[in-house]
């Protein structure tokens, strides 16, 4: 097991206390920063423990999550709303158990009322 992998798991253990998720550790955040920088992004501003702004051509609001650590719908909505307020697309950076970061664009959609699904 490599040194980075051991640090990752040691830091991940600090994330969960009594089964409740706490802030994303600096080690995981730095890992996401390095990955994005290798993809040509520039880190512009750190907004919180798990949220930051990065830019390539446009600016994006990133929220770092750890696989297996649950977040509430309210947290997800607040990230999306902050992205809308700042006029930036919101991106979830999901760090997997093996340390790989995967990125997902997230946004709200509004479904029309009184729409019924029909059997095919």
N, C-alpha and C. Protein backbone atom coordinates (compact mmCIF):
# COMPACT_ATOMS: atom_id res chain seq x y z
N UNK A 1 0.86 -1.18 0.00
CA UNK A 1 0.00 0.00 0.00
C UNK A 1 0.90 1.24 0.00
N UNK A 2 0.68 2.15 -0.96
CA UNK A 2 1.52 3.33 -1.08
C UNK A 2 1.27 4.34 0.04
N UNK A 3 2.23 5.28 0.19
CA UNK A 3 2.14 6.28 1.25
C UNK A 3 0.92 7.17 1.08
N UNK A 4 0.64 7.58 -0.16
CA UNK A 4 -0.52 8.44 -0.41
C UNK A 4 -1.80 7.72 -0.04
N UNK A 5 -1.89 6.44 -0.39
CA UNK A 5 -3.07 5.64 -0.08
C UNK A 5 -3.27 5.53 1.43
N UNK A 6 -2.18 5.33 2.18
CA UNK A 6 -2.27 5.24 3.64
C UNK A 6 -2.73 6.57 4.23
N UNK A 7 -2.17 7.68 3.73
CA UNK A 7 -2.58 9.01 4.20
C UNK A 7 -4.04 9.22 3.88
N UNK A 8 -4.45 8.81 2.69
CA UNK A 8 -5.86 8.97 2.28
C UNK A 8 -6.78 8.27 3.28
N UNK A 9 -6.48 7.02 3.62
CA UNK A 9 -7.36 6.27 4.53
C UNK A 9 -7.29 6.80 5.95
N UNK A 10 -6.10 7.25 6.38
CA UNK A 10 -5.98 7.83 7.72
C UNK A 10 -6.82 9.11 7.79
N UNK A 11 -6.74 9.94 6.75
CA UNK A 11 -7.52 11.17 6.71
C UNK A 11 -9.00 10.87 6.56
N UNK A 12 -9.34 9.85 5.79
CA UNK A 12 -10.75 9.51 5.60
C UNK A 12 -11.36 9.05 6.91
N UNK A 13 -10.58 8.34 7.74
CA UNK A 13 -11.09 7.90 9.03
C UNK A 13 -11.44 9.10 9.91
N UNK A 14 -10.71 10.21 9.75
CA UNK A 14 -11.00 11.42 10.51
C UNK A 14 -12.30 12.07 10.04
N UNK A 15 -12.71 11.76 8.80
CA UNK A 15 -13.91 12.37 8.25
C UNK A 15 -15.18 11.86 8.91
N UNK A 16 -15.14 10.64 9.41
CA UNK A 16 -16.34 10.02 9.97
C UNK A 16 -16.14 9.83 11.47
N UNK A 17 -16.98 10.48 12.24
CA UNK A 17 -16.91 10.37 13.69
C UNK A 17 -18.28 9.95 14.17
N UNK A 18 -18.37 8.80 14.82
CA UNK A 18 -19.64 8.26 15.28
C UNK A 18 -20.64 8.11 14.14
N UNK A 19 -20.14 7.75 12.95
CA UNK A 19 -21.01 7.53 11.81
C UNK A 19 -21.51 8.79 11.14
N UNK A 20 -21.03 9.96 11.58
CA UNK A 20 -21.49 11.23 11.00
C UNK A 20 -20.32 11.86 10.24
N UNK A 21 -20.60 12.30 9.02
CA UNK A 21 -19.56 12.89 8.20
C UNK A 21 -19.20 14.28 8.71
N UNK A 22 -17.90 14.58 8.69
CA UNK A 22 -17.42 15.91 9.03
C UNK A 22 -16.85 16.54 7.77
N UNK A 23 -16.11 17.60 7.90
CA UNK A 23 -15.57 18.32 6.75
C UNK A 23 -14.59 17.45 5.96
N UNK A 24 -14.46 17.77 4.69
CA UNK A 24 -13.50 17.09 3.83
C UNK A 24 -12.10 17.49 4.27
N UNK A 25 -11.21 16.52 4.39
CA UNK A 25 -9.86 16.81 4.87
C UNK A 25 -9.05 17.57 3.83
N UNK A 26 -8.03 18.26 4.32
CA UNK A 26 -7.14 19.02 3.44
C UNK A 26 -6.40 18.12 2.47
N UNK A 27 -6.09 16.88 2.89
CA UNK A 27 -5.37 15.95 2.02
C UNK A 27 -6.22 15.63 0.79
N UNK A 28 -7.52 15.33 1.00
CA UNK A 28 -8.39 15.02 -0.14
C UNK A 28 -8.60 16.25 -1.01
N UNK A 29 -8.75 17.41 -0.39
CA UNK A 29 -8.93 18.65 -1.15
C UNK A 29 -7.71 18.94 -2.01
N UNK A 30 -6.53 18.77 -1.45
CA UNK A 30 -5.30 18.97 -2.21
C UNK A 30 -5.19 17.97 -3.36
N UNK A 31 -5.66 16.76 -3.14
CA UNK A 31 -5.65 15.74 -4.19
C UNK A 31 -6.53 16.19 -5.36
N UNK A 32 -7.71 16.73 -5.06
CA UNK A 32 -8.61 17.24 -6.10
C UNK A 32 -7.97 18.45 -6.78
N UNK A 33 -7.35 19.34 -6.00
CA UNK A 33 -6.67 20.51 -6.58
C UNK A 33 -5.62 20.06 -7.60
N UNK A 34 -4.77 19.10 -7.20
CA UNK A 34 -3.71 18.62 -8.11
C UNK A 34 -4.30 18.00 -9.37
N UNK A 35 -5.37 17.22 -9.21
CA UNK A 35 -6.00 16.59 -10.37
C UNK A 35 -6.54 17.65 -11.33
N UNK A 36 -7.21 18.65 -10.79
CA UNK A 36 -7.76 19.70 -11.65
C UNK A 36 -6.65 20.52 -12.31
N UNK A 37 -5.59 20.80 -11.58
CA UNK A 37 -4.48 21.54 -12.16
C UNK A 37 -3.82 20.75 -13.28
N UNK A 38 -3.76 19.43 -13.15
CA UNK A 38 -3.20 18.61 -14.22
C UNK A 38 -4.11 18.62 -15.45
N UNK A 39 -5.39 18.97 -15.25
CA UNK A 39 -6.35 19.07 -16.36
C UNK A 39 -6.45 20.49 -16.90
N UNK A 40 -5.60 21.39 -16.41
CA UNK A 40 -5.56 22.75 -16.93
C UNK A 40 -6.39 23.78 -16.18
N UNK A 41 -6.92 23.41 -15.03
CA UNK A 41 -7.70 24.34 -14.22
C UNK A 41 -6.79 25.14 -13.30
N UNK A 42 -7.23 26.34 -12.99
CA UNK A 42 -6.55 27.19 -12.02
C UNK A 42 -7.49 27.35 -10.83
N UNK A 43 -7.01 27.09 -9.63
CA UNK A 43 -7.83 27.25 -8.43
C UNK A 43 -7.87 28.74 -8.10
N UNK A 44 -9.08 29.31 -8.09
CA UNK A 44 -9.24 30.75 -7.92
C UNK A 44 -9.44 31.12 -6.45
N UNK A 45 -10.37 30.42 -5.78
CA UNK A 45 -10.70 30.80 -4.41
C UNK A 45 -11.27 29.60 -3.66
N UNK A 46 -10.88 29.47 -2.42
CA UNK A 46 -11.45 28.42 -1.55
C UNK A 46 -12.55 29.06 -0.72
N UNK A 47 -13.77 28.53 -0.84
CA UNK A 47 -14.92 29.12 -0.17
C UNK A 47 -15.22 28.49 1.18
N UNK A 48 -14.94 27.20 1.33
CA UNK A 48 -15.17 26.50 2.58
C UNK A 48 -14.29 25.26 2.61
N UNK A 49 -14.50 24.40 3.62
CA UNK A 49 -13.70 23.18 3.72
C UNK A 49 -13.84 22.27 2.52
N UNK A 50 -15.00 22.30 1.88
CA UNK A 50 -15.24 21.36 0.78
C UNK A 50 -15.70 22.05 -0.50
N UNK A 51 -15.60 23.37 -0.57
CA UNK A 51 -16.10 24.09 -1.74
C UNK A 51 -15.06 25.12 -2.20
N UNK A 52 -14.86 25.19 -3.52
CA UNK A 52 -13.91 26.15 -4.07
C UNK A 52 -14.31 26.51 -5.50
N UNK A 53 -13.69 27.56 -6.01
CA UNK A 53 -13.93 28.02 -7.38
C UNK A 53 -12.66 27.75 -8.17
N UNK A 54 -12.83 27.17 -9.36
CA UNK A 54 -11.71 26.93 -10.27
C UNK A 54 -12.12 27.41 -11.65
N UNK A 55 -11.12 27.74 -12.47
CA UNK A 55 -11.44 28.18 -13.83
C UNK A 55 -10.49 27.57 -14.84
N UNK A 56 -11.03 27.37 -16.02
CA UNK A 56 -10.26 26.95 -17.18
C UNK A 56 -10.54 28.02 -18.21
N UNK A 57 -11.62 27.91 -18.96
CA UNK A 57 -12.12 29.02 -19.77
C UNK A 57 -13.13 29.80 -18.95
N UNK A 58 -14.04 29.06 -18.33
CA UNK A 58 -15.07 29.64 -17.47
C UNK A 58 -14.79 29.26 -16.03
N UNK A 59 -15.49 29.91 -15.11
CA UNK A 59 -15.37 29.58 -13.70
C UNK A 59 -16.40 28.52 -13.33
N UNK A 60 -16.01 27.61 -12.42
CA UNK A 60 -16.88 26.53 -11.95
C UNK A 60 -16.83 26.49 -10.43
N UNK A 61 -17.95 26.16 -9.83
CA UNK A 61 -18.02 25.97 -8.39
C UNK A 61 -17.92 24.47 -8.12
N UNK A 62 -16.88 24.05 -7.40
CA UNK A 62 -16.65 22.64 -7.10
C UNK A 62 -17.01 22.35 -5.65
N UNK A 63 -17.65 21.20 -5.44
CA UNK A 63 -17.96 20.71 -4.10
C UNK A 63 -17.38 19.31 -3.99
N UNK A 64 -16.48 19.10 -3.03
CA UNK A 64 -15.78 17.82 -2.89
C UNK A 64 -16.57 16.91 -1.95
N UNK A 65 -16.80 15.68 -2.41
CA UNK A 65 -17.50 14.65 -1.64
C UNK A 65 -16.64 13.40 -1.59
N UNK A 66 -16.86 12.59 -0.57
CA UNK A 66 -16.14 11.33 -0.44
C UNK A 66 -17.13 10.19 -0.64
N UNK A 67 -16.76 9.21 -1.45
CA UNK A 67 -17.63 8.06 -1.69
C UNK A 67 -18.00 7.39 -0.37
N UNK A 68 -19.27 7.10 -0.21
CA UNK A 68 -19.74 6.42 0.97
C UNK A 68 -20.13 7.35 2.11
N UNK A 69 -19.82 8.63 2.00
CA UNK A 69 -20.19 9.60 3.02
C UNK A 69 -21.42 10.36 2.52
N UNK A 70 -22.52 10.20 3.23
CA UNK A 70 -23.78 10.78 2.77
C UNK A 70 -23.82 12.28 3.01
N UNK A 71 -24.51 12.99 2.10
CA UNK A 71 -24.83 14.40 2.31
C UNK A 71 -26.34 14.54 2.18
N UNK A 72 -26.87 15.59 2.73
CA UNK A 72 -28.32 15.79 2.67
C UNK A 72 -28.70 16.46 1.35
N UNK A 73 -29.96 16.33 1.00
CA UNK A 73 -30.47 17.02 -0.19
C UNK A 73 -30.34 18.53 0.00
N UNK A 74 -30.52 19.00 1.23
CA UNK A 74 -30.39 20.44 1.51
C UNK A 74 -28.98 20.92 1.19
N UNK A 75 -27.97 20.13 1.53
CA UNK A 75 -26.59 20.49 1.22
C UNK A 75 -26.38 20.57 -0.28
N UNK A 76 -26.88 19.57 -0.98
CA UNK A 76 -26.76 19.55 -2.44
C UNK A 76 -27.47 20.75 -3.07
N UNK A 77 -28.67 21.05 -2.59
CA UNK A 77 -29.40 22.21 -3.11
C UNK A 77 -28.68 23.51 -2.80
N UNK A 78 -28.07 23.61 -1.64
CA UNK A 78 -27.36 24.85 -1.31
C UNK A 78 -26.14 25.04 -2.22
N UNK A 79 -25.48 23.95 -2.59
CA UNK A 79 -24.35 24.03 -3.53
C UNK A 79 -24.86 24.51 -4.90
N UNK A 80 -25.94 23.91 -5.37
CA UNK A 80 -26.50 24.30 -6.66
C UNK A 80 -26.96 25.75 -6.63
N UNK A 81 -27.64 26.15 -5.55
CA UNK A 81 -28.10 27.54 -5.42
C UNK A 81 -26.94 28.52 -5.38
N UNK A 82 -25.86 28.16 -4.69
CA UNK A 82 -24.70 29.04 -4.65
C UNK A 82 -24.09 29.19 -6.03
N UNK A 83 -24.05 28.09 -6.78
CA UNK A 83 -23.56 28.16 -8.16
C UNK A 83 -24.42 29.09 -9.00
N UNK A 84 -25.74 29.00 -8.84
CA UNK A 84 -26.64 29.89 -9.58
C UNK A 84 -26.44 31.34 -9.16
N UNK A 85 -26.27 31.58 -7.86
CA UNK A 85 -26.05 32.94 -7.35
C UNK A 85 -24.76 33.53 -7.91
N UNK A 86 -23.72 32.71 -7.99
CA UNK A 86 -22.43 33.18 -8.50
C UNK A 86 -22.33 33.09 -10.02
N UNK A 87 -23.40 32.62 -10.68
CA UNK A 87 -23.45 32.44 -12.14
C UNK A 87 -22.35 31.50 -12.63
N UNK A 88 -22.21 30.39 -11.91
CA UNK A 88 -21.23 29.36 -12.28
C UNK A 88 -21.90 28.00 -12.25
N UNK A 89 -21.51 27.12 -13.16
CA UNK A 89 -22.01 25.74 -13.06
C UNK A 89 -21.45 25.07 -11.82
N UNK A 90 -22.28 24.28 -11.14
CA UNK A 90 -21.84 23.53 -9.96
C UNK A 90 -21.34 22.16 -10.40
N UNK A 91 -20.23 21.74 -9.81
CA UNK A 91 -19.61 20.45 -10.15
C UNK A 91 -19.33 19.70 -8.86
N UNK A 92 -19.80 18.45 -8.78
CA UNK A 92 -19.46 17.59 -7.64
C UNK A 92 -18.17 16.85 -7.97
N UNK A 93 -17.21 16.94 -7.09
CA UNK A 93 -15.96 16.19 -7.22
C UNK A 93 -16.06 15.03 -6.25
N UNK A 94 -16.33 13.84 -6.76
CA UNK A 94 -16.52 12.66 -5.92
C UNK A 94 -15.20 11.88 -5.86
N UNK A 95 -14.65 11.78 -4.65
CA UNK A 95 -13.40 11.04 -4.46
C UNK A 95 -13.76 9.62 -4.04
N UNK A 96 -13.36 8.64 -4.86
CA UNK A 96 -13.71 7.24 -4.61
C UNK A 96 -12.82 6.63 -3.54
N UNK A 97 -13.13 5.41 -3.16
CA UNK A 97 -12.36 4.71 -2.13
C UNK A 97 -10.92 4.47 -2.53
N UNK A 98 -10.65 4.39 -3.84
CA UNK A 98 -9.27 4.20 -4.27
C UNK A 98 -8.54 5.51 -4.53
N UNK A 99 -9.20 6.64 -4.23
CA UNK A 99 -8.55 7.95 -4.35
C UNK A 99 -8.75 8.64 -5.68
N UNK A 100 -9.53 8.05 -6.58
CA UNK A 100 -9.78 8.64 -7.89
C UNK A 100 -10.89 9.68 -7.79
N UNK A 101 -10.68 10.83 -8.42
CA UNK A 101 -11.70 11.88 -8.43
C UNK A 101 -12.49 11.81 -9.73
N UNK A 102 -13.81 11.85 -9.60
CA UNK A 102 -14.71 11.87 -10.76
C UNK A 102 -15.59 13.10 -10.60
N UNK A 103 -15.87 13.77 -11.72
CA UNK A 103 -16.58 15.05 -11.67
C UNK A 103 -17.94 14.95 -12.35
N UNK A 104 -18.95 15.52 -11.70
CA UNK A 104 -20.31 15.50 -12.20
C UNK A 104 -20.90 16.91 -12.16
N UNK A 105 -21.43 17.37 -13.29
CA UNK A 105 -22.17 18.63 -13.29
C UNK A 105 -23.51 18.38 -12.62
N UNK A 106 -23.96 19.31 -11.78
CA UNK A 106 -25.27 19.19 -11.14
C UNK A 106 -26.05 20.48 -11.37
N UNK A 107 -27.35 20.31 -11.55
CA UNK A 107 -28.22 21.48 -11.70
C UNK A 107 -29.64 21.07 -11.35
N UNK A 108 -30.45 22.08 -11.09
CA UNK A 108 -31.85 21.83 -10.77
C UNK A 108 -32.63 21.74 -12.07
N UNK A 109 -33.63 20.90 -12.07
CA UNK A 109 -34.58 20.88 -13.17
C UNK A 109 -35.97 21.03 -12.57
N UNK A 110 -36.81 21.65 -13.31
CA UNK A 110 -38.18 21.84 -12.84
C UNK A 110 -39.09 21.00 -13.74
N UNK A 111 -39.84 20.11 -13.11
CA UNK A 111 -40.76 19.28 -13.86
C UNK A 111 -42.12 19.98 -13.89
N UNK A 112 -42.81 19.92 -15.02
CA UNK A 112 -44.14 20.53 -15.07
C UNK A 112 -45.10 19.77 -14.16
N UNK A 113 -46.06 20.49 -13.62
CA UNK A 113 -47.06 19.86 -12.76
C UNK A 113 -48.00 19.00 -13.60
N UNK A 114 -48.63 18.06 -12.94
CA UNK A 114 -49.65 17.20 -13.54
C UNK A 114 -49.12 16.40 -14.73
N UNK A 115 -47.89 15.96 -14.64
CA UNK A 115 -47.33 15.10 -15.65
C UNK A 115 -47.43 13.66 -15.14
N UNK A 116 -48.02 12.81 -15.92
CA UNK A 116 -48.23 11.42 -15.51
C UNK A 116 -47.43 10.51 -16.43
N UNK A 117 -46.83 9.50 -15.85
CA UNK A 117 -46.09 8.53 -16.63
C UNK A 117 -47.09 7.52 -17.20
N UNK A 118 -46.90 7.20 -18.44
CA UNK A 118 -47.77 6.19 -19.06
C UNK A 118 -47.00 4.92 -19.28
N UNK A 119 -47.69 3.81 -19.18
CA UNK A 119 -47.05 2.52 -19.43
C UNK A 119 -46.74 2.40 -20.91
N UNK A 120 -45.61 1.81 -21.20
CA UNK A 120 -45.21 1.65 -22.60
C UNK A 120 -45.65 0.31 -23.11
